[in-house]
PDB file of N, CA and C in Angstrom:
ATOM      1  N   MET A   1       0.846  -1.169   0.000  1.00  0.00           N
ATOM      2  CA  MET A   1       0.000   0.000   0.000  1.00  0.00           C
ATOM      3  C   MET A   1       0.888   1.227   0.000  1.00  0.00           C
ATOM      4  N   ASP A   2       0.576   2.214  -0.818  1.00  0.00           N
ATOM      5  CA  ASP A   2       1.306   3.461  -0.907  1.00  0.00           C
ATOM      6  C   ASP A   2       1.181   4.203   0.407  1.00  0.00           C
ATOM      7  N   ALA A   3       2.268   4.810   0.870  1.00  0.00           N
ATOM      8  CA  ALA A   3       2.270   5.518   2.155  1.00  0.00           C
ATOM      9  C   ALA A   3       1.283   6.672   2.149  1.00  0.00           C
ATOM     10  N   LYS A   4       0.983   7.265   0.990  1.00  0.00           N
ATOM     11  CA  LYS A   4       0.075   8.398   0.910  1.00  0.00           C
ATOM     12  C   LYS A   4      -1.385   7.974   0.847  1.00  0.00           C
ATOM     13  N   GLN A   5      -1.638   6.722   0.502  1.00  0.00           N
ATOM     14  CA  GLN A   5      -2.998   6.237   0.336  1.00  0.00           C
ATOM     15  C   GLN A   5      -3.600   5.888   1.694  1.00  0.00           C
ATOM     16  N   ALA A   6      -4.789   6.403   1.977  1.00  0.00           N
ATOM     17  CA  ALA A   6      -5.471   6.112   3.234  1.00  0.00           C
ATOM     18  C   ALA A   6      -6.045   4.703   3.174  1.00  0.00           C
ATOM     19  N   PRO A   7      -6.041   4.000   4.306  1.00  0.00           N
ATOM     20  CA  PRO A   7      -6.624   2.655   4.307  1.00  0.00           C
ATOM     21  C   PRO A   7      -8.130   2.727   4.057  1.00  0.00           C
ATOM     22  N   THR A   8      -8.631   1.715   3.409  1.00  0.00           N
ATOM     23  CA  THR A   8     -10.059   1.639   3.125  1.00  0.00           C
ATOM     24  C   THR A   8     -10.792   1.312   4.420  1.00  0.00           C
ATOM     25  N   PRO A   9     -11.845   2.081   4.766  1.00  0.00           N
ATOM     26  CA  PRO A   9     -12.578   1.771   5.998  1.00  0.00           C
ATOM     27  C   PRO A   9     -13.269   0.419   5.886  1.00  0.00           C
ATOM     28  N   LYS A  10     -13.357  -0.263   7.017  1.00  0.00           N
ATOM     29  CA  LYS A  10     -13.992  -1.577   7.051  1.00  0.00           C
ATOM     30  C   LYS A  10     -15.496  -1.425   6.868  1.00  0.00           C
ATOM     31  N   SER A  11     -16.073  -2.318   6.098  1.00  0.00           N
ATOM     32  CA  SER A  11     -17.505  -2.310   5.858  1.00  0.00           C
ATOM     33  C   SER A  11     -18.245  -2.539   7.176  1.00  0.00           C
ATOM     34  N   PRO A  12     -19.324  -1.802   7.440  1.00  0.00           N
ATOM     35  CA  PRO A  12     -20.048  -1.972   8.698  1.00  0.00           C
ATOM     36  C   PRO A  12     -20.777  -3.312   8.801  1.00  0.00           C
ATOM     37  N   THR A  13     -21.063  -3.931   7.685  1.00  0.00           N
ATOM     38  CA  THR A  13     -21.704  -5.240   7.707  1.00  0.00           C
ATOM     39  C   THR A  13     -20.850  -6.213   6.901  1.00  0.00           C
ATOM     40  N   PRO A  14     -20.961  -7.495   7.199  1.00  0.00           N
ATOM     41  CA  PRO A  14     -20.149  -8.465   6.471  1.00  0.00           C
ATOM     42  C   PRO A  14     -20.421  -8.428   4.967  1.00  0.00           C
ATOM     43  N   THR A  15     -19.359  -8.531   4.202  1.00  0.00           N
ATOM     44  CA  THR A  15     -19.496  -8.561   2.753  1.00  0.00           C
ATOM     45  C   THR A  15     -19.730  -9.999   2.313  1.00  0.00           C
ATOM     46  N   GLY A  16     -20.097 -10.168   1.056  1.00  0.00           N
ATOM     47  CA  GLY A  16     -20.318 -11.514   0.541  1.00  0.00           C
ATOM     48  C   GLY A  16     -19.087 -12.383   0.688  1.00  0.00           C
ATOM     49  N   GLU A  17     -17.919 -11.805   0.416  1.00  0.00           N
ATOM     50  CA  GLU A  17     -16.681 -12.586   0.528  1.00  0.00           C
ATOM     51  C   GLU A  17     -16.399 -12.956   1.977  1.00  0.00           C
ATOM     52  N   SER A  18     -16.609 -12.014   2.916  1.00  0.00           N
ATOM     53  CA  SER A  18     -16.342 -12.348   4.316  1.00  0.00           C
ATOM     54  C   SER A  18     -17.310 -13.418   4.801  1.00  0.00           C
ATOM     55  N   MET A  19     -18.562 -13.388   4.312  1.00  0.00           N
ATOM     56  CA  MET A  19     -19.531 -14.423   4.677  1.00  0.00           C
ATOM     57  C   MET A  19     -19.095 -15.774   4.133  1.00  0.00           C
ATOM     58  N   ARG A  20     -18.626 -15.794   2.876  1.00  0.00           N
ATOM     59  CA  ARG A  20     -18.159 -17.063   2.295  1.00  0.00           C
ATOM     60  C   ARG A  20     -16.952 -17.590   3.062  1.00  0.00           C
ATOM     61  N   ALA A  21     -16.040 -16.704   3.424  1.00  0.00           N
ATOM     62  CA  ALA A  21     -14.848 -17.127   4.168  1.00  0.00           C
ATOM     63  C   ALA A  21     -15.245 -17.696   5.524  1.00  0.00           C
ATOM     64  N   ALA A  22     -16.172 -17.031   6.206  1.00  0.00           N
ATOM     65  CA  ALA A  22     -16.616 -17.518   7.514  1.00  0.00           C
ATOM     66  C   ALA A  22     -17.339 -18.843   7.377  1.00  0.00           C
ATOM     67  N   THR A  23     -18.125 -18.986   6.339  1.00  0.00           N
ATOM     68  CA  THR A  23     -18.842 -20.242   6.125  1.00  0.00           C
ATOM     69  C   THR A  23     -17.849 -21.374   5.919  1.00  0.00           C
ATOM     70  N   ARG A  24     -16.781 -21.100   5.174  1.00  0.00           N
ATOM     71  CA  ARG A  24     -15.752 -22.140   4.984  1.00  0.00           C
ATOM     72  C   ARG A  24     -15.124 -22.476   6.328  1.00  0.00           C
ATOM     73  N   THR A  25     -14.913 -21.462   7.171  1.00  0.00           N
ATOM     74  CA  THR A  25     -14.302 -21.681   8.478  1.00  0.00           C
ATOM     75  C   THR A  25     -15.265 -22.423   9.397  1.00  0.00           C
ATOM     76  N   ILE A  26     -16.532 -22.018   9.372  1.00  0.00           N
ATOM     77  CA  ILE A  26     -17.526 -22.596  10.277  1.00  0.00           C
ATOM     78  C   ILE A  26     -17.905 -24.002   9.854  1.00  0.00           C
ATOM     79  N   LEU A  27     -17.827 -24.326   8.612  1.00  0.00           N
ATOM     80  CA  LEU A  27     -18.158 -25.594   7.976  1.00  0.00           C
ATOM     81  C   LEU A  27     -19.432 -25.413   7.161  1.00  0.00           C
ATOM     82  N   PRO A  28     -19.574 -26.152   6.100  1.00  0.00           N
ATOM     83  CA  PRO A  28     -20.760 -26.022   5.253  1.00  0.00           C
ATOM     84  C   PRO A  28     -22.032 -26.367   6.021  1.00  0.00           C
ATOM     85  N   PRO A  29     -23.159 -25.741   5.650  1.00  0.00           N
ATOM     86  CA  PRO A  29     -24.402 -26.002   6.367  1.00  0.00           C
ATOM     87  C   PRO A  29     -24.861 -27.447   6.302  1.00  0.00           C
ATOM     88  N   GLU A  30     -24.471 -28.158   5.262  1.00  0.00           N
ATOM     89  CA  GLU A  30     -24.905 -29.555   5.155  1.00  0.00           C
ATOM     90  C   GLU A  30     -24.099 -30.498   6.048  1.00  0.00           C
ATOM     91  N   THR A  31     -23.079 -29.966   6.744  1.00  0.00           N
ATOM     92  CA  THR A  31     -22.289 -30.798   7.647  1.00  0.00           C
ATOM     93  C   THR A  31     -23.180 -31.253   8.798  1.00  0.00           C
ATOM     94  N   PRO A  32     -23.279 -32.555   9.045  1.00  0.00           N
ATOM     95  CA  PRO A  32     -24.102 -33.032  10.156  1.00  0.00           C
ATOM     96  C   PRO A  32     -23.636 -32.427  11.474  1.00  0.00           C
ATOM     97  N   PRO A  33     -24.565 -32.010  12.342  1.00  0.00           N
ATOM     98  CA  PRO A  33     -24.184 -31.360  13.595  1.00  0.00           C
ATOM     99  C   PRO A  33     -23.198 -32.162  14.432  1.00  0.00           C
ATOM    100  N   ALA A  34     -23.381 -33.460  14.511  1.00  0.00           N
ATOM    101  CA  ALA A  34     -22.467 -34.276  15.311  1.00  0.00           C
ATOM    102  C   ALA A  34     -21.056 -34.219  14.743  1.00  0.00           C
ATOM    103  N   LEU A  35     -20.933 -34.246  13.425  1.00  0.00           N
ATOM    104  CA  LEU A  35     -19.621 -34.167  12.783  1.00  0.00           C
ATOM    105  C   LEU A  35     -19.007 -32.791  12.997  1.00  0.00           C
ATOM    106  N   ALA A  36     -19.811 -31.738  12.872  1.00  0.00           N
ATOM    107  CA  ALA A  36     -19.305 -30.379  13.086  1.00  0.00           C
ATOM    108  C   ALA A  36     -18.767 -30.221  14.503  1.00  0.00           C
ATOM    109  N   ASP A  37     -19.476 -30.769  15.489  1.00  0.00           N
ATOM    110  CA  ASP A  37     -19.016 -30.681  16.876  1.00  0.00           C
ATOM    111  C   ASP A  37     -17.716 -31.436  17.089  1.00  0.00           C
ATOM    112  N   MET A  38     -17.551 -32.560  16.395  1.00  0.00           N
ATOM    113  CA  MET A  38     -16.319 -33.325  16.529  1.00  0.00           C
ATOM    114  C   MET A  38     -15.156 -32.594  15.867  1.00  0.00           C
ATOM    115  N   ILE A  39     -15.421 -31.971  14.709  1.00  0.00           N
ATOM    116  CA  ILE A  39     -14.361 -31.296  13.972  1.00  0.00           C
ATOM    117  C   ILE A  39     -13.972 -29.994  14.649  1.00  0.00           C
ATOM    118  N   ARG A  40     -14.949 -29.195  15.015  1.00  0.00           N
ATOM    119  CA  ARG A  40     -14.678 -27.866  15.534  1.00  0.00           C
ATOM    120  C   ARG A  40     -15.767 -27.486  16.535  1.00  0.00           C
ATOM    121  N   PRO A  41     -15.634 -27.904  17.795  1.00  0.00           N
ATOM    122  CA  PRO A  41     -16.709 -27.653  18.767  1.00  0.00           C
ATOM    123  C   PRO A  41     -16.810 -26.203  19.244  1.00  0.00           C
ATOM    124  N   THR A  42     -15.757 -25.408  19.060  1.00  0.00           N
ATOM    125  CA  THR A  42     -15.812 -24.020  19.517  1.00  0.00           C
ATOM    126  C   THR A  42     -15.645 -23.060  18.350  1.00  0.00           C
ATOM    127  N   LEU A  43     -16.208 -21.862  18.512  1.00  0.00           N
ATOM    128  CA  LEU A  43     -16.143 -20.817  17.496  1.00  0.00           C
ATOM    129  C   LEU A  43     -15.545 -19.558  18.112  1.00  0.00           C
ATOM    130  N   THR A  44     -14.926 -18.756  17.282  1.00  0.00           N
ATOM    131  CA  THR A  44     -14.352 -17.491  17.726  1.00  0.00           C
ATOM    132  C   THR A  44     -15.387 -16.376  17.624  1.00  0.00           C
ATOM    133  N   LEU A  45     -15.090 -15.239  18.204  1.00  0.00           N
ATOM    134  CA  LEU A  45     -15.975 -14.081  18.128  1.00  0.00           C
ATOM    135  C   LEU A  45     -16.232 -13.659  16.680  1.00  0.00           C
ATOM    136  N   PRO A  46     -15.207 -13.535  15.826  1.00  0.00           N
ATOM    137  CA  PRO A  46     -15.481 -13.162  14.431  1.00  0.00           C
ATOM    138  C   PRO A  46     -16.358 -14.177  13.699  1.00  0.00           C
ATOM    139  N   GLU A  47     -16.192 -15.469  13.978  1.00  0.00           N
ATOM    140  CA  GLU A  47     -17.004 -16.487  13.322  1.00  0.00           C
ATOM    141  C   GLU A  47     -18.477 -16.358  13.712  1.00  0.00           C
ATOM    142  N   VAL A  48     -18.734 -16.172  15.007  1.00  0.00           N
ATOM    143  CA  VAL A  48     -20.116 -16.040  15.466  1.00  0.00           C
ATOM    144  C   VAL A  48     -20.701 -14.719  14.971  1.00  0.00           C
ATOM    145  N   ALA A  49     -19.905 -13.668  14.959  1.00  0.00           N
ATOM    146  CA  ALA A  49     -20.389 -12.376  14.460  1.00  0.00           C
ATOM    147  C   ALA A  49     -20.835 -12.500  13.009  1.00  0.00           C
ATOM    148  N   THR A  50     -20.047 -13.141  12.192  1.00  0.00           N
ATOM    149  CA  THR A  50     -20.402 -13.327  10.787  1.00  0.00           C
ATOM    150  C   THR A  50     -21.643 -14.187  10.663  1.00  0.00           C
ATOM    151  N   TRP A  51     -21.739 -15.227  11.465  1.00  0.00           N
ATOM    152  CA  TRP A  51     -22.896 -16.110  11.465  1.00  0.00           C
ATOM    153  C   TRP A  51     -24.177 -15.329  11.775  1.00  0.00           C
ATOM    154  N   LEU A  52     -24.062 -14.341  12.688  1.00  0.00           N
ATOM    155  CA  LEU A  52     -25.215 -13.530  13.080  1.00  0.00           C
ATOM    156  C   LEU A  52     -25.365 -12.274  12.221  1.00  0.00           C
ATOM    157  N   CYS A  53     -24.552 -12.151  11.179  1.00  0.00           N
ATOM    158  CA  CYS A  53     -24.576 -10.985  10.277  1.00  0.00           C
ATOM    159  C   CYS A  53     -24.299  -9.688  11.029  1.00  0.00           C
ATOM    160  N   LEU A  54     -23.320  -9.730  11.920  1.00  0.00           N
ATOM    161  CA  LEU A  54     -22.857  -8.559  12.659  1.00  0.00           C
ATOM    162  C   LEU A  54     -21.366  -8.402  12.426  1.00  0.00           C
ATOM    163  N   THR A  55     -20.859  -7.209  12.686  1.00  0.00           N
ATOM    164  CA  THR A  55     -19.414  -7.056  12.689  1.00  0.00           C
ATOM    165  C   THR A  55     -18.908  -7.558  14.040  1.00  0.00           C
ATOM    166  N   THR A  56     -17.633  -7.808  14.129  1.00  0.00           N
ATOM    167  CA  THR A  56     -17.044  -8.245  15.391  1.00  0.00           C
ATOM    168  C   THR A  56     -17.275  -7.192  16.464  1.00  0.00           C
ATOM    169  N   GLU A  57     -17.123  -5.928  16.097  1.00  0.00           N
ATOM    170  CA  GLU A  57     -17.301  -4.838  17.051  1.00  0.00           C
ATOM    171  C   GLU A  57     -18.741  -4.769  17.546  1.00  0.00           C
ATOM    172  N   GLU A  58     -19.698  -4.972  16.639  1.00  0.00           N
ATOM    173  CA  GLU A  58     -21.116  -4.947  17.035  1.00  0.00           C
ATOM    174  C   GLU A  58     -21.419  -6.080  18.012  1.00  0.00           C
ATOM    175  N   LEU A  59     -20.936  -7.281  17.716  1.00  0.00           N
ATOM    176  CA  LEU A  59     -21.190  -8.413  18.609  1.00  0.00           C
ATOM    177  C   LEU A  59     -20.545  -8.174  19.961  1.00  0.00           C
ATOM    178  N   ARG A  60     -19.325  -7.688  19.962  1.00  0.00           N
ATOM    179  CA  ARG A  60     -18.631  -7.414  21.231  1.00  0.00           C
ATOM    180  C   ARG A  60     -19.436  -6.416  22.072  1.00  0.00           C
ATOM    181  N   ALA A  61     -20.033  -5.414  21.416  1.00  0.00           N
ATOM    182  CA  ALA A  61     -20.781  -4.386  22.135  1.00  0.00           C
ATOM    183  C   ALA A  61     -22.093  -4.916  22.715  1.00  0.00           C
ATOM    184  N   VAL A  62     -22.773  -5.808  21.992  1.00  0.00           N
ATOM    185  CA  VAL A  62     -24.081  -6.281  22.456  1.00  0.00           C
ATOM    186  C   VAL A  62     -24.019  -7.614  23.196  1.00  0.00           C
ATOM    187  N   LEU A  63     -22.877  -8.245  23.231  1.00  0.00           N
ATOM    188  CA  LEU A  63     -22.750  -9.570  23.847  1.00  0.00           C
ATOM    189  C   LEU A  63     -23.270  -9.605  25.286  1.00  0.00           C
ATOM    190  N   PRO A  64     -22.955  -8.621  26.117  1.00  0.00           N
ATOM    191  CA  PRO A  64     -23.479  -8.691  27.491  1.00  0.00           C
ATOM    192  C   PRO A  64     -25.009  -8.669  27.560  1.00  0.00           C
ATOM    193  N   ARG A  65     -25.671  -8.005  26.625  1.00  0.00           N
ATOM    194  CA  ARG A  65     -27.138  -7.902  26.632  1.00  0.00           C
ATOM    195  C   ARG A  65     -27.823  -9.097  25.984  1.00  0.00           C
ATOM    196  N   LEU A  66     -27.128  -9.801  25.106  1.00  0.00           N
ATOM    197  CA  LEU A  66     -27.763 -10.887  24.348  1.00  0.00           C
ATOM    198  C   LEU A  66     -28.085 -12.123  25.182  1.00  0.00           C
ATOM    199  N   GLY A  67     -27.305 -12.366  26.192  1.00  0.00           N
ATOM    200  CA  GLY A  67     -27.490 -13.590  26.952  1.00  0.00           C
ATOM    201  C   GLY A  67     -26.937 -14.806  26.234  1.00  0.00           C
ATOM    202  N   LEU A  68     -26.054 -14.570  25.279  1.00  0.00           N
ATOM    203  CA  LEU A  68     -25.427 -15.658  24.530  1.00  0.00           C
ATOM    204  C   LEU A  68     -24.248 -16.193  25.348  1.00  0.00           C
ATOM    205  N   PRO A  69     -24.344 -17.443  25.828  1.00  0.00           N
ATOM    206  CA  PRO A  69     -23.267 -17.990  26.652  1.00  0.00           C
ATOM    207  C   PRO A  69     -21.931 -18.029  25.905  1.00  0.00           C
ATOM    208  N   HIS A  70     -20.888 -17.642  26.593  1.00  0.00           N
ATOM    209  CA  HIS A  70     -19.544 -17.634  26.025  1.00  0.00           C
ATOM    210  C   HIS A  70     -18.536 -17.847  27.147  1.00  0.00           C
ATOM    211  N   PHE A  71     -17.298 -18.060  26.777  1.00  0.00           N
ATOM    212  CA  PHE A  71     -16.220 -18.217  27.756  1.00  0.00           C
ATOM    213  C   PHE A  71     -14.954 -17.641  27.156  1.00  0.00           C
ATOM    214  N   PHE A  72     -13.920 -17.551  27.972  1.00  0.00           N
ATOM    215  CA  PHE A  72     -12.665 -16.955  27.525  1.00  0.00           C
ATOM    216  C   PHE A  72     -11.541 -17.984  27.561  1.00  0.00           C
ATOM    217  N   VAL A  73     -10.710 -17.934  26.538  1.00  0.00           N
ATOM    218  CA  VAL A  73      -9.495 -18.743  26.484  1.00  0.00           C
ATOM    219  C   VAL A  73      -8.354 -17.760  26.269  1.00  0.00           C
ATOM    220  N   GLU A  74      -7.521 -17.612  27.282  1.00  0.00           N
ATOM    221  CA  GLU A  74      -6.396 -16.673  27.236  1.00  0.00           C
ATOM    222  C   GLU A  74      -6.846 -15.286  26.781  1.00  0.00           C
ATOM    223  N   GLY A  75      -7.984 -14.826  27.323  1.00  0.00           N
ATOM    224  CA  GLY A  75      -8.482 -13.491  27.025  1.00  0.00           C
ATOM    225  C   GLY A  75      -9.289 -13.371  25.743  1.00  0.00           C
ATOM    226  N   ASN A  76      -9.434 -14.446  24.992  1.00  0.00           N
ATOM    227  CA  ASN A  76     -10.198 -14.425  23.742  1.00  0.00           C
ATOM    228  C   ASN A  76     -11.554 -15.097  23.949  1.00  0.00           C
ATOM    229  N   VAL A  77     -12.598 -14.457  23.425  1.00  0.00           N
ATOM    230  CA  VAL A  77     -13.959 -14.980  23.568  1.00  0.00           C
ATOM    231  C   VAL A  77     -14.131 -16.212  22.687  1.00  0.00           C
ATOM    232  N   ARG A  78     -14.743 -17.238  23.255  1.00  0.00           N
ATOM    233  CA  ARG A  78     -15.056 -18.457  22.513  1.00  0.00           C
ATOM    234  C   ARG A  78     -16.504 -18.845  22.801  1.00  0.00           C
ATOM    235  N   PHE A  79     -17.100 -19.561  21.859  1.00  0.00           N
ATOM    236  CA  PHE A  79     -18.480 -20.020  21.974  1.00  0.00           C
ATOM    237  C   PHE A  79     -18.517 -21.492  21.629  1.00  0.00           C
ATOM    238  N   ARG A  80     -19.345 -22.255  22.331  1.00  0.00           N
ATOM    239  CA  ARG A  80     -19.571 -23.644  21.945  1.00  0.00           C
ATOM    240  C   ARG A  80     -20.607 -23.652  20.829  1.00  0.00           C
ATOM    241  N   ARG A  81     -20.320 -24.379  19.773  1.00  0.00           N
ATOM    242  CA  ARG A  81     -21.217 -24.453  18.623  1.00  0.00           C
ATOM    243  C   ARG A  81     -22.624 -24.873  19.052  1.00  0.00           C
ATOM    244  N   LYS A  82     -22.725 -25.925  19.896  1.00  0.00           N
ATOM    245  CA  LYS A  82     -24.029 -26.414  20.341  1.00  0.00           C
ATOM    246  C   LYS A  82     -24.787 -25.328  21.105  1.00  0.00           C
ATOM    247  N   THR A  83     -24.069 -24.568  21.912  1.00  0.00           N
ATOM    248  CA  THR A  83     -24.692 -23.520  22.712  1.00  0.00           C
ATOM    249  C   THR A  83     -25.245 -22.409  21.823  1.00  0.00           C
ATOM    250  N   VAL A  84     -24.491 -22.031  20.784  1.00  0.00           N
ATOM    251  CA  VAL A  84     -24.956 -20.990  19.858  1.00  0.00           C
ATOM    252  C   VAL A  84     -26.189 -21.492  19.110  1.00  0.00           C
ATOM    253  N   ASP A  85     -26.159 -22.742  18.653  1.00  0.00           N
ATOM    254  CA  ASP A  85     -27.325 -23.318  17.966  1.00  0.00           C
ATOM    255  C   ASP A  85     -28.553 -23.295  18.877  1.00  0.00           C
ATOM    256  N   ARG A  86     -28.375 -23.724  20.124  1.00  0.00           N
ATOM    257  CA  ARG A  86     -29.491 -23.756  21.075  1.00  0.00           C
ATOM    258  C   ARG A  86     -30.007 -22.336  21.338  1.00  0.00           C
ATOM    259  N   TRP A  87     -29.094 -21.382  21.541  1.00  0.00           N
ATOM    260  CA  TRP A  87     -29.476 -19.993  21.786  1.00  0.00           C
ATOM    261  C   TRP A  87     -30.273 -19.438  20.603  1.00  0.00           C
ATOM    262  N   MET A  88     -29.837 -19.742  19.379  1.00  0.00           N
ATOM    263  CA  MET A  88     -30.546 -19.259  18.198  1.00  0.00           C
ATOM    264  C   MET A  88     -31.950 -19.852  18.121  1.00  0.00           C
ATOM    265  N   ARG A  89     -32.095 -21.147  18.423  1.00  0.00           N
ATOM    266  CA  ARG A  89     -33.421 -21.771  18.430  1.00  0.00           C
ATOM    267  C   ARG A  89     -34.326 -21.111  19.471  1.00  0.00           C
ATOM    268  N   GLU A  90     -33.779 -20.855  20.655  1.00  0.00           N
ATOM    269  CA  GLU A  90     -34.561 -20.204  21.709  1.00  0.00           C
ATOM    270  C   GLU A  90     -35.018 -18.814  21.277  1.00  0.00           C
ATOM    271  N   GLN A  91     -34.133 -18.082  20.585  1.00  0.00           N
ATOM    272  CA  GLN A  91     -34.492 -16.747  20.114  1.00  0.00           C
ATOM    273  C   GLN A  91     -35.611 -16.824  19.075  1.00  0.00           C
ATOM    274  N   GLU A  92     -35.519 -17.811  18.193  1.00  0.00           N
ATOM    275  CA  GLU A  92     -36.566 -18.000  17.184  1.00  0.00           C
ATOM    276  C   GLU A  92     -37.905 -18.327  17.816  1.00  0.00           C
ATOM    277  N   GLU A  93     -37.876 -19.246  18.786  1.00  0.00           N
ATOM    278  CA  GLU A  93     -39.106 -19.658  19.450  1.00  0.00           C
ATOM    279  C   GLU A  93     -39.721 -18.501  20.230  1.00  0.00           C
ATOM    280  N   ALA A  94     -38.895 -17.649  20.794  1.00  0.00           N
ATOM    281  CA  ALA A  94     -39.381 -16.516  21.571  1.00  0.00           C
ATOM    282  C   ALA A  94     -39.812 -15.362  20.664  1.00  0.00           C
ATOM    283  N   GLY A  95     -39.511 -15.480  19.378  1.00  0.00           N
ATOM    284  CA  GLY A  95     -39.892 -14.439  18.420  1.00  0.00           C
ATOM    285  C   GLY A  95     -39.045 -13.194  18.513  1.00  0.00           C
ATOM    286  N   ARG A  96     -37.779 -13.348  18.913  1.00  0.00           N
ATOM    287  CA  ARG A  96     -36.881 -12.187  19.037  1.00  0.00           C
ATOM    288  C   ARG A  96     -36.085 -11.993  17.784  1.00  0.00           C
TER     289      ARG A  96
END
């Protein structure tokens, strides 16, 4: 990047490419849940943010209010895949 050129601001919402990249990271939707849990039982903050169509910053800001269970590994937020799936189902059932 040229020293005089200003960096491009980050898009406020995930772009198509970032969604595709996250989907590759998260695993294809047709992956059986049991297999997905065996392959990758935990997700990072950026992965869950993309899954929820939020930016990482937006998810970080609303995480305390959402009631979405999470934990920390060496200061980094992590989510259990099963827990996120269950939380999403509960939100759907509650009509939120």
